[in-house]
Amino acid sequence: MIINGKEMDFEIGITVDNLLKRLGLDKNKVVVEVNFEIVPKEKYSVKILDKEDRVEIVSFVGGG
């Protein structure tokens, strides 16, 4: 699967929620897009990723 432009290998059947945990990301501080469609946060635990998926993860950064 391609994550933020980099090819990465994860086990078959991984969910968005599990992917974020593996990457050490807080699901409340990111937006996840799979194949150009934003995944609602309430679907992170049920959205299963495929090895052909293109995933973009955008983190919120505060500043001033």
Protein backbone atom coordinates (compact mmCIF):
# COMPACT_ATOMS: atom_id res chain seq x y z
CA MET A 1 0.00 0.00 0.00
CA ILE A 2 1.12 3.56 -0.61
CA ILE A 3 1.04 5.78 2.49
CA ASN A 4 1.78 9.48 1.99
CA GLY A 5 3.65 8.62 -1.21
CA LYS A 6 5.78 5.82 0.28
CA GLU A 7 5.25 2.12 -0.34
CA MET A 8 4.75 0.25 2.94
CA ASP A 9 3.86 -3.32 3.80
CA PHE A 10 1.25 -4.17 6.41
CA GLU A 11 -0.67 -7.36 7.07
CA ILE A 12 -3.76 -8.14 5.03
CA GLY A 13 -6.96 -6.93 6.66
CA ILE A 14 -5.46 -4.07 8.68
CA THR A 15 -7.95 -1.37 9.61
CA VAL A 16 -7.36 2.37 9.47
CA ASP A 17 -7.44 2.40 13.28
CA ASN A 18 -4.74 -0.29 13.52
CA LEU A 19 -2.63 1.42 10.86
CA LEU A 20 -2.65 4.66 12.83
CA LYS A 21 -1.67 2.79 16.00
CA ARG A 22 1.22 1.10 14.17
CA LEU A 23 2.39 4.46 12.87
CA GLY A 24 2.11 6.01 16.35
CA LEU A 25 -0.50 8.56 15.29
CA ASP A 26 -3.41 9.87 17.35
CA LYS A 27 -6.62 9.26 15.38
CA ASN A 28 -8.11 12.42 16.88
CA LYS A 29 -5.38 14.58 15.35
CA VAL A 30 -5.38 13.30 11.77
CA VAL A 31 -7.58 13.04 8.70
CA VAL A 32 -7.29 9.86 6.63
CA GLU A 33 -8.04 9.64 2.93
CA VAL A 34 -8.15 6.28 1.14
CA ASN A 35 -8.17 6.31 -2.65
CA PHE A 36 -9.13 10.01 -2.71
CA GLU A 37 -12.06 9.60 -0.29
CA ILE A 38 -11.97 10.89 3.29
CA VAL A 39 -12.73 8.18 5.84
CA PRO A 40 -15.02 9.36 8.68
CA LYS A 41 -13.41 8.87 12.11
CA GLU A 42 -16.28 6.62 13.22
CA LYS A 43 -15.33 4.20 10.40
CA TYR A 44 -11.61 3.92 11.31
CA SER A 45 -12.18 0.68 13.25
CA VAL A 46 -14.13 -1.02 10.43
CA LYS A 47 -12.49 0.33 7.25
CA ILE A 48 -10.22 -2.48 6.05
CA LEU A 49 -7.31 -1.49 3.86
CA ASP A 50 -6.19 -3.37 0.75
CA LYS A 51 -2.60 -3.73 -0.43
CA GLU A 52 -3.46 -1.68 -3.53
CA ASP A 53 -4.87 1.28 -1.55
CA ARG A 54 -3.39 4.77 -1.64
CA VAL A 55 -3.59 6.30 1.82
CA GLU A 56 -2.96 9.92 2.71
CA ILE A 57 -2.71 10.88 6.38
CA VAL A 58 -2.81 14.58 7.21
CA SER A 59 -1.88 15.74 10.72
CA PHE A 60 -3.21 18.90 12.33
CA VAL A 61 -0.45 21.24 13.43
CA GLY A 62 -1.10 24.26 15.62
CA GLY A 63 0.90 27.40 15.50
CA GLY A 64 0.77 31.09 15.78
